[in-house]
Amino acid sequence: MRLFRTVLAVLAAATLVAAPADAGQPRPPSDPAGALLAAFDDHAIVAKSSPDVGTFLFDLVRDPRVPGKVNDIVVECGNSRLQPLLDAYIDGGDVPDVNRVWRDTTQPSCGFSTFYEQLFALVRQVNTTVPAARKIRVLAGDPPIDWSAVHAPADLEPFLDRDASIVSVVKTQVLQKHRKALMLFGLGHLTHDGGSGAVAQLEREYPGAAYVVADHRGFASDNTRLEQRLGSWPALVPLKGSWLGTLDTAYFPTNRDYPPGTRGYPGVDAYLYEGPAGLLLREPLSARAVLDQDYLAELRRRATAVDAPPDSIEWPETFFERERTSGVLLRG
């Protein structure tokens, strides 16, 4: 009996230590993946900032609840002109040059991404485990540029409106077909109040279509105290009805000016916490891309063709130098 009481005392003490400062407020769901998937019950789109700062997204794709709940994953690093190539790869085909899908976009940094390289391979593998009706399609959202036809800055201009391309893909391949999609883009493309952002444009025709999730990458100030309030991770915290929704907007990295007194994260529905910002890792570069001399030569040709300034990341040497000095942590 004494041993039993001792165990109870230890458990009670552990509970007190683990209790957050906001114990009286509703706690975020203990199943963040389930909470994110539940958003599809009321929305055609769940739009999440990417690349992921942790393992949440890869774990989500592995979740057996995803096939059948999510029809499509729409990605930023994918040339929409090469959608047939991507479809063939995701369907299990032998596509040795599939890396063109993320290397031949308007964004040079996409070509060095390990996130999308791994995501595509993971979805392809998941699709081998489910019936045809539940297979996930990956949709490329970047403009349909053909770099072999770009020889001057004017040749690039028709492909600079990236949001227009995203809107076209999501509208024709998802919304008009009554499908459900997970969108993975930089948050500037996703917020409800983004003005010309893709989600904001889509919701003018399809009001309330999207549920927007922002990754935690650190608060603008008082970060340690506020992270302690977030508690354990991973956690998906809705803005509405939580203390995050009442927090002054200045604490969030919005990169925009809002009137004094604005609260919450404008244009965002939920906040994904995958751990303290000081422990989050940067996405490593793809060794395959870094060591591919033909690809690097093509990037230099593109930079020359569009008259890219010498200090811009269109030049691989500039991009590598930036990465070399950035460290391995997001906030190192």
C-alpha atoms as a PDB file:
ATOM      1  CA  MET A   1       0.000   0.000   0.000  1.00  0.00           C
ATOM      2  CA  ARG A   2       2.866   2.375   0.879  1.00  0.00           C
ATOM      3  CA  LEU A   3       4.491   1.698  -2.505  1.00  0.00           C
ATOM      4  CA  PHE A   4       1.165   2.368  -4.261  1.00  0.00           C
ATOM      5  CA  ARG A   5       0.808   5.718  -2.491  1.00  0.00           C
ATOM      6  CA  THR A   6       4.381   6.627  -3.391  1.00  0.00           C
ATOM      7  CA  VAL A   7       3.709   5.936  -7.067  1.00  0.00           C
ATOM      8  CA  LEU A   8       0.571   8.071  -6.944  1.00  0.00           C
ATOM      9  CA  ALA A   9       2.508  10.909  -5.343  1.00  0.00           C
ATOM     10  CA  VAL A  10       5.199  10.770  -8.020  1.00  0.00           C
ATOM     11  CA  LEU A  11       2.600  10.782 -10.794  1.00  0.00           C
ATOM     12  CA  ALA A  12       0.801  13.717  -9.223  1.00  0.00           C
ATOM     13  CA  ALA A  13       4.048  15.664  -8.924  1.00  0.00           C
ATOM     14  CA  ALA A  14       4.906  14.936 -12.551  1.00  0.00           C
ATOM     15  CA  THR A  15       1.473  16.179 -13.574  1.00  0.00           C
ATOM     16  CA  LEU A  16       1.995  19.424 -11.681  1.00  0.00           C
ATOM     17  CA  VAL A  17       5.404  19.967 -13.266  1.00  0.00           C
ATOM     18  CA  ALA A  18       4.045  19.288 -16.748  1.00  0.00           C
ATOM     19  CA  ALA A  19       0.991  21.502 -16.290  1.00  0.00           C
ATOM     20  CA  PRO A  20       1.228  24.611 -18.496  1.00  0.00           C
ATOM     21  CA  ALA A  21       0.790  28.138 -17.276  1.00  0.00           C
ATOM     22  CA  ASP A  22      -2.591  28.195 -19.046  1.00  0.00           C
ATOM     23  CA  ALA A  23      -3.966  25.063 -17.382  1.00  0.00           C
ATOM     24  CA  GLY A  24      -7.363  26.705 -17.027  1.00  0.00           C
ATOM     25  CA  GLN A  25      -7.702  27.263 -20.778  1.00  0.00           C
ATOM     26  CA  PRO A  26      -8.715  24.645 -23.354  1.00  0.00           C
ATOM     27  CA  ARG A  27      -5.707  22.529 -24.321  1.00  0.00           C
ATOM     28  CA  PRO A  28      -4.756  21.866 -27.947  1.00  0.00           C
ATOM     29  CA  PRO A  29      -5.729  18.420 -29.253  1.00  0.00           C
ATOM     30  CA  SER A  30      -3.317  15.643 -28.275  1.00  0.00           C
ATOM     31  CA  ASP A  31      -3.578  14.388 -31.849  1.00  0.00           C
ATOM     32  CA  PRO A  32      -2.424  17.313 -34.026  1.00  0.00           C
ATOM     33  CA  ALA A  33      -2.512  15.221 -37.195  1.00  0.00           C
ATOM     34  CA  GLY A  34      -6.109  14.257 -36.468  1.00  0.00           C
ATOM     35  CA  ALA A  35      -6.966  17.890 -35.746  1.00  0.00           C
ATOM     36  CA  LEU A  36      -5.492  18.971 -39.080  1.00  0.00           C
ATOM     37  CA  LEU A  37      -7.336  16.228 -40.951  1.00  0.00           C
ATOM     38  CA  ALA A  38     -10.578  17.184 -39.197  1.00  0.00           C
ATOM     39  CA  ALA A  39     -10.337  20.588 -40.861  1.00  0.00           C
ATOM     40  CA  PHE A  40     -11.108  18.846 -44.149  1.00  0.00           C
ATOM     41  CA  ASP A  41     -14.607  18.122 -42.828  1.00  0.00           C
ATOM     42  CA  ASP A  42     -15.491  21.794 -43.344  1.00  0.00           C
ATOM     43  CA  HIS A  43     -12.886  22.941 -45.875  1.00  0.00           C
ATOM     44  CA  ALA A  44     -11.788  21.819 -49.312  1.00  0.00           C
ATOM     45  CA  ILE A  45      -8.241  23.007 -48.623  1.00  0.00           C
ATOM     46  CA  VAL A  46      -5.872  22.872 -45.693  1.00  0.00           C
ATOM     47  CA  ALA A  47      -3.051  25.277 -46.509  1.00  0.00           C
ATOM     48  CA  LYS A  48       0.143  24.836 -44.494  1.00  0.00           C
ATOM     49  CA  SER A  49       3.384  26.790 -44.586  1.00  0.00           C
ATOM     50  CA  SER A  50       6.366  24.837 -45.917  1.00  0.00           C
ATOM     51  CA  PRO A  51       9.002  23.473 -46.009  1.00  0.00           C
ATOM     52  CA  ASP A  52       8.218  21.887 -42.677  1.00  0.00           C
ATOM     53  CA  VAL A  53      10.426  22.861 -39.740  1.00  0.00           C
ATOM     54  CA  GLY A  54      10.177  19.394 -38.193  1.00  0.00           C
ATOM     55  CA  THR A  55       8.904  15.911 -38.965  1.00  0.00           C
ATOM     56  CA  PHE A  56       5.179  16.619 -38.684  1.00  0.00           C
ATOM     57  CA  LEU A  57       4.405  16.631 -42.382  1.00  0.00           C
ATOM     58  CA  PHE A  58       6.269  13.439 -43.245  1.00  0.00           C
ATOM     59  CA  ASP A  59       4.588  11.721 -40.301  1.00  0.00           C
ATOM     60  CA  LEU A  60       1.259  13.050 -41.552  1.00  0.00           C
ATOM     61  CA  VAL A  61       1.774  11.609 -45.034  1.00  0.00           C
ATOM     62  CA  ARG A  62       2.547   8.229 -43.428  1.00  0.00           C
ATOM     63  CA  ASP A  63      -0.651   8.413 -41.362  1.00  0.00           C
ATOM     64  CA  PRO A  64      -3.120   5.745 -42.596  1.00  0.00           C
ATOM     65  CA  ARG A  65      -5.972   8.236 -42.136  1.00  0.00           C
ATOM     66  CA  VAL A  66      -4.641  10.483 -44.916  1.00  0.00           C
ATOM     67  CA  PRO A  67      -5.484   8.457 -48.046  1.00  0.00           C
ATOM     68  CA  GLY A  68      -9.178   8.943 -48.689  1.00  0.00           C
ATOM     69  CA  LYS A  69      -9.219  12.116 -46.599  1.00  0.00           C
ATOM     70  CA  VAL A  70      -6.736  13.999 -48.800  1.00  0.00           C
ATOM     71  CA  ASN A  71      -6.956  13.642 -52.567  1.00  0.00           C
ATOM     72  CA  ASP A  72      -4.172  16.004 -53.600  1.00  0.00           C
ATOM     73  CA  ILE A  73      -1.033  17.640 -52.241  1.00  0.00           C
ATOM     74  CA  VAL A  74      -0.279  20.912 -54.040  1.00  0.00           C
ATOM     75  CA  VAL A  75       3.354  22.017 -53.793  1.00  0.00           C
ATOM     76  CA  GLU A  76       5.311  25.202 -54.384  1.00  0.00           C
ATOM     77  CA  CYS A  77       8.428  23.523 -55.747  1.00  0.00           C
ATOM     78  CA  GLY A  78       7.030  21.911 -58.859  1.00  0.00           C
ATOM     79  CA  ASN A  79       6.872  23.066 -62.476  1.00  0.00           C
ATOM     80  CA  SER A  80       3.235  22.724 -63.586  1.00  0.00           C
ATOM     81  CA  ARG A  81       4.380  22.167 -67.189  1.00  0.00           C
ATOM     82  CA  LEU A  82       5.923  18.904 -65.999  1.00  0.00           C
ATOM     83  CA  GLN A  83       2.762  17.606 -64.288  1.00  0.00           C
ATOM     84  CA  PRO A  84       2.629  14.504 -66.544  1.00  0.00           C
ATOM     85  CA  LEU A  85       6.173  13.630 -65.457  1.00  0.00           C
ATOM     86  CA  LEU A  86       5.217  14.059 -61.797  1.00  0.00           C
ATOM     87  CA  ASP A  87       2.027  12.030 -62.240  1.00  0.00           C
ATOM     88  CA  ALA A  88       3.973   9.163 -63.773  1.00  0.00           C
ATOM     89  CA  TYR A  89       6.492   9.163 -60.918  1.00  0.00           C
ATOM     90  CA  ILE A  90       3.896   9.395 -58.133  1.00  0.00           C
ATOM     91  CA  ASP A  91       2.008   6.538 -59.799  1.00  0.00           C
ATOM     92  CA  GLY A  92       5.103   4.320 -59.515  1.00  0.00           C
ATOM     93  CA  GLY A  93       6.544   4.711 -62.998  1.00  0.00           C
ATOM     94  CA  ASP A  94      10.220   4.600 -63.923  1.00  0.00           C
ATOM     95  CA  VAL A  95      11.022   8.321 -64.254  1.00  0.00           C
ATOM     96  CA  PRO A  96      14.809   8.816 -63.943  1.00  0.00           C
ATOM     97  CA  ASP A  97      14.614  12.557 -64.680  1.00  0.00           C
ATOM     98  CA  VAL A  98      11.829  13.350 -62.183  1.00  0.00           C
ATOM     99  CA  ASN A  99      14.143  15.871 -60.481  1.00  0.00           C
ATOM    100  CA  ARG A 100      13.345  18.244 -63.341  1.00  0.00           C
ATOM    101  CA  VAL A 101       9.967  18.808 -61.654  1.00  0.00           C
ATOM    102  CA  TRP A 102      11.522  20.727 -58.751  1.00  0.00           C
ATOM    103  CA  ARG A 103      14.756  21.807 -60.442  1.00  0.00           C
ATOM    104  CA  ASP A 104      13.102  23.552 -63.392  1.00  0.00           C
ATOM    105  CA  THR A 105      10.935  25.979 -61.435  1.00  0.00           C
ATOM    106  CA  THR A 106      11.128  29.770 -61.283  1.00  0.00           C
ATOM    107  CA  GLN A 107      12.785  29.453 -57.845  1.00  0.00           C
ATOM    108  CA  PRO A 108      16.453  28.323 -57.917  1.00  0.00           C
ATOM    109  CA  SER A 109      16.361  27.303 -54.251  1.00  0.00           C
ATOM    110  CA  CYS A 110      13.785  24.620 -55.087  1.00  0.00           C
ATOM    111  CA  GLY A 111      16.419  22.711 -57.009  1.00  0.00           C
ATOM    112  CA  PHE A 112      18.434  22.161 -53.835  1.00  0.00           C
ATOM    113  CA  SER A 113      15.477  21.161 -51.668  1.00  0.00           C
ATOM    114  CA  THR A 114      15.600  17.853 -49.841  1.00  0.00           C
ATOM    115  CA  PHE A 115      12.091  18.429 -48.497  1.00  0.00           C
ATOM    116  CA  TYR A 116      10.303  18.051 -51.823  1.00  0.00           C
ATOM    117  CA  GLU A 117      12.704  15.390 -53.054  1.00  0.00           C
ATOM    118  CA  GLN A 118      11.761  13.264 -50.036  1.00  0.00           C
ATOM    119  CA  LEU A 119       8.077  14.230 -50.044  1.00  0.00           C
ATOM    120  CA  PHE A 120       7.519  13.047 -53.609  1.00  0.00           C
ATOM    121  CA  ALA A 121       9.274   9.739 -52.923  1.00  0.00           C
ATOM    122  CA  LEU A 122       7.239   9.234 -49.748  1.00  0.00           C
ATOM    123  CA  VAL A 123       3.879   9.869 -51.424  1.00  0.00           C
ATOM    124  CA  ARG A 124       4.887   7.507 -54.238  1.00  0.00           C
ATOM    125  CA  GLN A 125       5.614   4.788 -51.659  1.00  0.00           C
ATOM    126  CA  VAL A 126       2.394   5.423 -49.712  1.00  0.00           C
ATOM    127  CA  ASN A 127       0.433   5.011 -52.938  1.00  0.00           C
ATOM    128  CA  THR A 128       1.734   1.456 -53.300  1.00  0.00           C
ATOM    129  CA  THR A 129      -0.108   0.534 -50.101  1.00  0.00           C
ATOM    130  CA  VAL A 130      -3.611   1.801 -50.942  1.00  0.00           C
ATOM    131  CA  PRO A 131      -6.299   1.082 -53.561  1.00  0.00           C
ATOM    132  CA  ALA A 132      -6.336   3.203 -56.725  1.00  0.00           C
ATOM    133  CA  ALA A 133      -9.318   5.254 -55.538  1.00  0.00           C
ATOM    134  CA  ARG A 134      -7.399   6.399 -52.458  1.00  0.00           C
ATOM    135  CA  LYS A 135      -4.079   7.227 -54.073  1.00  0.00           C
ATOM    136  CA  ILE A 136      -2.788  10.749 -53.487  1.00  0.00           C
ATOM    137  CA  ARG A 137      -1.985  12.985 -56.419  1.00  0.00           C
ATOM    138  CA  VAL A 138       0.785  15.585 -56.129  1.00  0.00           C
ATOM    139  CA  LEU A 139       0.118  18.796 -58.047  1.00  0.00           C
ATOM    140  CA  ALA A 140       2.870  21.176 -59.135  1.00  0.00           C
ATOM    141  CA  GLY A 141       1.918  24.811 -58.531  1.00  0.00           C
ATOM    142  CA  ASP A 142       4.784  26.829 -60.010  1.00  0.00           C
ATOM    143  CA  PRO A 143       4.335  28.516 -63.432  1.00  0.00           C
ATOM    144  CA  PRO A 144       4.839  26.293 -66.506  1.00  0.00           C
ATOM    145  CA  ILE A 145       8.192  27.722 -67.534  1.00  0.00           C
ATOM    146  CA  ASP A 146      10.363  26.103 -70.205  1.00  0.00           C
ATOM    147  CA  TRP A 147      13.888  27.184 -69.311  1.00  0.00           C
ATOM    148  CA  SER A 148      15.269  26.011 -72.644  1.00  0.00           C
ATOM    149  CA  ALA A 149      13.290  28.866 -74.223  1.00  0.00           C
ATOM    150  CA  VAL A 150      14.527  31.542 -71.803  1.00  0.00           C
ATOM    151  CA  HIS A 151      17.358  33.576 -73.340  1.00  0.00           C
ATOM    152  CA  ALA A 152      16.531  37.095 -72.125  1.00  0.00           C
ATOM    153  CA  PRO A 153      14.744  38.771 -69.194  1.00  0.00           C
ATOM    154  CA  ALA A 154      11.625  39.276 -71.328  1.00  0.00           C
ATOM    155  CA  ASP A 155      11.330  35.489 -71.755  1.00  0.00           C
ATOM    156  CA  LEU A 156      10.932  35.106 -67.983  1.00  0.00           C
ATOM    157  CA  GLU A 157       8.303  37.813 -67.481  1.00  0.00           C
ATOM    158  CA  PRO A 158       5.225  35.712 -68.421  1.00  0.00           C
ATOM    159  CA  PHE A 159       6.091  33.323 -65.569  1.00  0.00           C
ATOM    160  CA  LEU A 160       6.629  35.765 -62.708  1.00  0.00           C
ATOM    161  CA  ASP A 161       3.042  35.745 -61.374  1.00  0.00           C
ATOM    162  CA  ARG A 162       3.358  32.643 -59.274  1.00  0.00           C
ATOM    163  CA  ASP A 163       0.078  33.156 -57.394  1.00  0.00           C
ATOM    164  CA  ALA A 164      -1.830  33.159 -60.681  1.00  0.00           C
ATOM    165  CA  SER A 165      -0.355  29.752 -61.482  1.00  0.00           C
ATOM    166  CA  ILE A 166      -1.210  28.375 -58.029  1.00  0.00           C
ATOM    167  CA  VAL A 167      -4.786  29.665 -58.325  1.00  0.00           C
ATOM    168  CA  SER A 168      -5.200  28.080 -61.752  1.00  0.00           C
ATOM    169  CA  VAL A 169      -3.933  24.676 -60.605  1.00  0.00           C
ATOM    170  CA  VAL A 170      -6.013  24.571 -57.416  1.00  0.00           C
ATOM    171  CA  LYS A 171      -9.152  25.874 -59.081  1.00  0.00           C
ATOM    172  CA  THR A 172      -9.106  23.508 -62.070  1.00  0.00           C
ATOM    173  CA  GLN A 173      -7.626  20.401 -60.458  1.00  0.00           C
ATOM    174  CA  VAL A 174      -9.108  20.579 -56.961  1.00  0.00           C
ATOM    175  CA  LEU A 175     -12.075  22.894 -56.413  1.00  0.00           C
ATOM    176  CA  GLN A 176     -13.845  22.373 -59.728  1.00  0.00           C
ATOM    177  CA  LYS A 177     -13.470  18.620 -59.275  1.00  0.00           C
ATOM    178  CA  HIS A 178     -14.770  18.721 -55.678  1.00  0.00           C
ATOM    179  CA  ARG A 179     -11.564  17.224 -54.305  1.00  0.00           C
ATOM    180  CA  LYS A 180      -9.681  17.882 -51.074  1.00  0.00           C
ATOM    181  CA  ALA A 181      -6.153  19.257 -51.127  1.00  0.00           C
ATOM    182  CA  LEU A 182      -3.292  19.942 -48.763  1.00  0.00           C
ATOM    183  CA  MET A 183      -1.452  23.040 -50.013  1.00  0.00           C
ATOM    184  CA  LEU A 184       2.243  23.426 -49.093  1.00  0.00           C
ATOM    185  CA  PHE A 185       3.601  26.906 -49.818  1.00  0.00           C
ATOM    186  CA  GLY A 186       5.295  29.847 -48.204  1.00  0.00           C
ATOM    187  CA  LEU A 187       2.808  31.505 -45.880  1.00  0.00           C
ATOM    188  CA  GLY A 188       2.660  34.655 -48.022  1.00  0.00           C
ATOM    189  CA  HIS A 189       0.707  32.652 -50.609  1.00  0.00           C
ATOM    190  CA  LEU A 190      -1.717  31.208 -48.054  1.00  0.00           C
ATOM    191  CA  THR A 191      -3.161  33.767 -45.633  1.00  0.00           C
ATOM    192  CA  HIS A 192      -6.808  34.755 -45.948  1.00  0.00           C
ATOM    193  CA  ASP A 193      -5.917  38.442 -45.875  1.00  0.00           C
ATOM    194  CA  GLY A 194      -2.986  38.122 -48.266  1.00  0.00           C
ATOM    195  CA  GLY A 195      -4.538  40.406 -50.883  1.00  0.00           C
ATOM    196  CA  SER A 196      -2.984  38.986 -54.038  1.00  0.00           C
ATOM    197  CA  GLY A 197      -1.957  35.707 -52.378  1.00  0.00           C
ATOM    198  CA  ALA A 198      -3.277  32.501 -53.904  1.00  0.00           C
ATOM    199  CA  VAL A 199      -5.653  31.540 -51.075  1.00  0.00           C
ATOM    200  CA  ALA A 200      -7.038  35.075 -50.829  1.00  0.00           C
ATOM    201  CA  GLN A 201      -7.726  35.038 -54.573  1.00  0.00           C
ATOM    202  CA  LEU A 202      -9.347  31.598 -54.461  1.00  0.00           C
ATOM    203  CA  GLU A 203     -11.622  32.563 -51.585  1.00  0.00           C
ATOM    204  CA  ARG A 204     -13.098  35.452 -53.529  1.00  0.00           C
ATOM    205  CA  GLU A 205     -14.790  32.801 -55.670  1.00  0.00           C
ATOM    206  CA  TYR A 206     -14.874  30.019 -53.068  1.00  0.00           C
ATOM    207  CA  PRO A 207     -15.465  31.746 -49.688  1.00  0.00           C
ATOM    208  CA  GLY A 208     -14.196  29.802 -46.700  1.00  0.00           C
ATOM    209  CA  ALA A 209     -12.542  27.158 -48.857  1.00  0.00           C
ATOM    210  CA  ALA A 210      -9.282  27.087 -46.904  1.00  0.00           C
ATOM    211  CA  TYR A 211      -8.071  26.400 -43.384  1.00  0.00           C
ATOM    212  CA  VAL A 212      -4.649  28.043 -42.965  1.00  0.00           C
ATOM    213  CA  VAL A 213      -1.918  26.650 -40.703  1.00  0.00           C
ATOM    214  CA  ALA A 214       1.279  28.573 -39.867  1.00  0.00           C
ATOM    215  CA  ASP A 215       4.397  26.886 -38.503  1.00  0.00           C
ATOM    216  CA  HIS A 216       5.951  28.293 -35.353  1.00  0.00           C
ATOM    217  CA  ARG A 217       9.374  29.694 -36.203  1.00  0.00           C
ATOM    218  CA  GLY A 218       9.747  31.897 -33.148  1.00  0.00           C
ATOM    219  CA  PHE A 219       7.906  34.879 -31.693  1.00  0.00           C
ATOM    220  CA  ALA A 220       9.161  38.326 -32.571  1.00  0.00           C
ATOM    221  CA  SER A 221       9.817  39.091 -28.879  1.00  0.00           C
ATOM    222  CA  ASP A 222       9.514  37.446 -25.454  1.00  0.00           C
ATOM    223  CA  ASN A 223       9.975  34.147 -27.241  1.00  0.00           C
ATOM    224  CA  THR A 224      11.024  31.956 -24.291  1.00  0.00           C
ATOM    225  CA  ARG A 225       8.043  32.895 -22.116  1.00  0.00           C
ATOM    226  CA  LEU A 226       5.534  32.465 -24.925  1.00  0.00           C
ATOM    227  CA  GLU A 227       6.988  29.119 -25.965  1.00  0.00           C
ATOM    228  CA  GLN A 228       6.551  27.931 -22.383  1.00  0.00           C
ATOM    229  CA  ARG A 229       2.869  28.813 -22.691  1.00  0.00           C
ATOM    230  CA  LEU A 230       2.646  26.657 -25.817  1.00  0.00           C
ATOM    231  CA  GLY A 231       3.702  23.683 -23.702  1.00  0.00           C
ATOM    232  CA  SER A 232       4.479  20.282 -25.205  1.00  0.00           C
ATOM    233  CA  TRP A 233       4.823  19.524 -28.897  1.00  0.00           C
ATOM    234  CA  PRO A 234       3.764  18.747 -31.515  1.00  0.00           C
ATOM    235  CA  ALA A 235       0.600  20.757 -31.007  1.00  0.00           C
ATOM    236  CA  LEU A 236      -1.872  22.325 -33.409  1.00  0.00           C
ATOM    237  CA  VAL A 237      -3.402  25.330 -31.666  1.00  0.00           C
ATOM    238  CA  PRO A 238      -6.455  27.035 -33.217  1.00  0.00           C
ATOM    239  CA  LEU A 239      -6.215  30.831 -33.084  1.00  0.00           C
ATOM    240  CA  LYS A 240      -9.919  31.245 -32.366  1.00  0.00           C
ATOM    241  CA  GLY A 241     -10.716  30.629 -28.725  1.00  0.00           C
ATOM    242  CA  SER A 242      -7.087  30.312 -27.592  1.00  0.00           C
ATOM    243  CA  TRP A 243      -4.649  32.713 -25.967  1.00  0.00           C
ATOM    244  CA  LEU A 244      -2.786  32.914 -29.285  1.00  0.00           C
ATOM    245  CA  GLY A 245      -5.832  34.571 -30.786  1.00  0.00           C
ATOM    246  CA  THR A 246      -5.705  37.295 -28.138  1.00  0.00           C
ATOM    247  CA  LEU A 247      -1.954  37.874 -28.430  1.00  0.00           C
ATOM    248  CA  ASP A 248      -0.869  41.171 -29.942  1.00  0.00           C
ATOM    249  CA  THR A 249      -0.164  40.698 -33.647  1.00  0.00           C
ATOM    250  CA  ALA A 250       3.260  42.299 -33.211  1.00  0.00           C
ATOM    251  CA  TYR A 251       4.467  39.032 -31.650  1.00  0.00           C
ATOM    252  CA  PHE A 252       3.986  37.155 -34.938  1.00  0.00           C
ATOM    253  CA  PRO A 253       6.395  37.403 -37.906  1.00  0.00           C
ATOM    254  CA  THR A 254       3.828  38.843 -40.299  1.00  0.00           C
ATOM    255  CA  ASN A 255       6.214  41.108 -42.248  1.00  0.00           C
ATOM    256  CA  ARG A 256       3.336  43.567 -42.491  1.00  0.00           C
ATOM    257  CA  ASP A 257       2.170  46.582 -40.489  1.00  0.00           C
ATOM    258  CA  TYR A 258      -1.189  46.307 -38.730  1.00  0.00           C
ATOM    259  CA  PRO A 259      -3.110  48.935 -36.744  1.00  0.00           C
ATOM    260  CA  PRO A 260      -2.278  49.084 -33.019  1.00  0.00           C
ATOM    261  CA  GLY A 261      -4.425  46.695 -31.022  1.00  0.00           C
ATOM    262  CA  THR A 262      -4.687  44.053 -33.765  1.00  0.00           C
ATOM    263  CA  ARG A 263      -4.794  40.602 -32.208  1.00  0.00           C
ATOM    264  CA  GLY A 264      -3.833  37.120 -33.301  1.00  0.00           C
ATOM    265  CA  TYR A 265      -2.098  36.008 -36.483  1.00  0.00           C
ATOM    266  CA  PRO A 266      -4.021  37.748 -39.287  1.00  0.00           C
ATOM    267  CA  GLY A 267      -5.201  35.441 -42.034  1.00  0.00           C
ATOM    268  CA  VAL A 268      -4.204  32.294 -40.116  1.00  0.00           C
ATOM    269  CA  ASP A 269      -6.553  29.736 -38.517  1.00  0.00           C
ATOM    270  CA  ALA A 270      -4.139  27.541 -36.549  1.00  0.00           C
ATOM    271  CA  TYR A 271      -0.585  27.474 -35.295  1.00  0.00           C
ATOM    272  CA  LEU A 272       1.602  24.363 -35.523  1.00  0.00           C
ATOM    273  CA  TYR A 273       4.171  24.106 -32.748  1.00  0.00           C
ATOM    274  CA  GLU A 274       6.922  21.547 -33.396  1.00  0.00           C
ATOM    275  CA  GLY A 275       9.218  22.684 -30.647  1.00  0.00           C
ATOM    276  CA  PRO A 276      11.229  25.719 -29.506  1.00  0.00           C
ATOM    277  CA  ALA A 277      12.544  27.871 -32.316  1.00  0.00           C
ATOM    278  CA  GLY A 278      16.080  27.469 -31.004  1.00  0.00           C
ATOM    279  CA  LEU A 279      15.900  23.719 -31.638  1.00  0.00           C
ATOM    280  CA  LEU A 280      14.482  23.796 -35.162  1.00  0.00           C
ATOM    281  CA  LEU A 281      16.820  22.697 -37.945  1.00  0.00           C
ATOM    282  CA  ARG A 282      17.280  24.299 -41.334  1.00  0.00           C
ATOM    283  CA  GLU A 283      16.517  22.198 -44.366  1.00  0.00           C
ATOM    284  CA  PRO A 284      19.792  20.648 -45.609  1.00  0.00           C
ATOM    285  CA  LEU A 285      20.812  21.028 -49.225  1.00  0.00           C
ATOM    286  CA  SER A 286      20.477  18.116 -51.611  1.00  0.00           C
ATOM    287  CA  ALA A 287      23.897  16.571 -52.205  1.00  0.00           C
ATOM    288  CA  ARG A 288      22.642  15.261 -55.545  1.00  0.00           C
ATOM    289  CA  ALA A 289      22.018  18.804 -56.756  1.00  0.00           C
ATOM    290  CA  VAL A 290      25.172  20.326 -55.257  1.00  0.00           C
ATOM    291  CA  LEU A 291      27.376  17.705 -56.944  1.00  0.00           C
ATOM    292  CA  ASP A 292      25.599  17.828 -60.311  1.00  0.00           C
ATOM    293  CA  GLN A 293      27.937  19.958 -62.410  1.00  0.00           C
ATOM    294  CA  ASP A 294      25.614  19.955 -65.432  1.00  0.00           C
ATOM    295  CA  TYR A 295      22.795  21.338 -63.289  1.00  0.00           C
ATOM    296  CA  LEU A 296      25.024  24.029 -61.795  1.00  0.00           C
ATOM    297  CA  ALA A 297      26.130  25.036 -65.278  1.00  0.00           C
ATOM    298  CA  GLU A 298      22.486  25.313 -66.339  1.00  0.00           C
ATOM    299  CA  LEU A 299      21.715  27.517 -63.327  1.00  0.00           C
ATOM    300  CA  ARG A 300      24.567  29.827 -64.327  1.00  0.00           C
ATOM    301  CA  ARG A 301      23.182  29.958 -67.865  1.00  0.00           C
ATOM    302  CA  ARG A 302      19.743  30.898 -66.535  1.00  0.00           C
ATOM    303  CA  ALA A 303      21.203  33.598 -64.296  1.00  0.00           C
ATOM    304  CA  THR A 304      23.066  35.055 -67.256  1.00  0.00           C
ATOM    305  CA  ALA A 305      19.974  34.904 -69.469  1.00  0.00           C
ATOM    306  CA  VAL A 306      17.817  36.884 -67.038  1.00  0.00           C
ATOM    307  CA  ASP A 307      20.586  39.374 -66.135  1.00  0.00           C
ATOM    308  CA  ALA A 308      20.575  38.300 -62.496  1.00  0.00           C
ATOM    309  CA  PRO A 309      22.687  40.593 -60.270  1.00  0.00           C
ATOM    310  CA  PRO A 310      25.989  39.026 -59.159  1.00  0.00           C
ATOM    311  CA  ASP A 311      24.868  38.910 -55.514  1.00  0.00           C
ATOM    312  CA  SER A 312      21.501  37.241 -56.172  1.00  0.00           C
ATOM    313  CA  ILE A 313      20.739  33.624 -55.301  1.00  0.00           C
ATOM    314  CA  GLU A 314      20.074  32.878 -58.953  1.00  0.00           C
ATOM    315  CA  TRP A 315      23.835  32.266 -59.010  1.00  0.00           C
ATOM    316  CA  PRO A 316      24.626  28.951 -57.282  1.00  0.00           C
ATOM    317  CA  GLU A 317      27.854  30.311 -55.765  1.00  0.00           C
ATOM    318  CA  THR A 318      25.937  33.107 -54.042  1.00  0.00           C
ATOM    319  CA  PHE A 319      23.293  30.659 -52.855  1.00  0.00           C
ATOM    320  CA  PHE A 320      25.938  28.300 -51.461  1.00  0.00           C
ATOM    321  CA  GLU A 321      27.721  31.115 -49.638  1.00  0.00           C
ATOM    322  CA  ARG A 322      24.477  32.205 -48.015  1.00  0.00           C
ATOM    323  CA  GLU A 323      23.814  28.659 -46.877  1.00  0.00           C
ATOM    324  CA  ARG A 324      27.400  28.202 -45.676  1.00  0.00           C
ATOM    325  CA  THR A 325      27.110  31.127 -43.299  1.00  0.00           C
ATOM    326  CA  SER A 326      23.560  30.470 -42.117  1.00  0.00           C
ATOM    327  CA  GLY A 327      24.256  27.660 -39.655  1.00  0.00           C
ATOM    328  CA  VAL A 328      22.198  24.511 -39.180  1.00  0.00           C
ATOM    329  CA  LEU A 329      19.562  25.944 -36.818  1.00  0.00           C
ATOM    330  CA  LEU A 330      16.774  28.290 -37.843  1.00  0.00           C
ATOM    331  CA  ARG A 331      17.713  30.624 -34.999  1.00  0.00           C
ATOM    332  CA  GLY A 332      21.320  29.618 -34.451  1.00  0.00           C
END
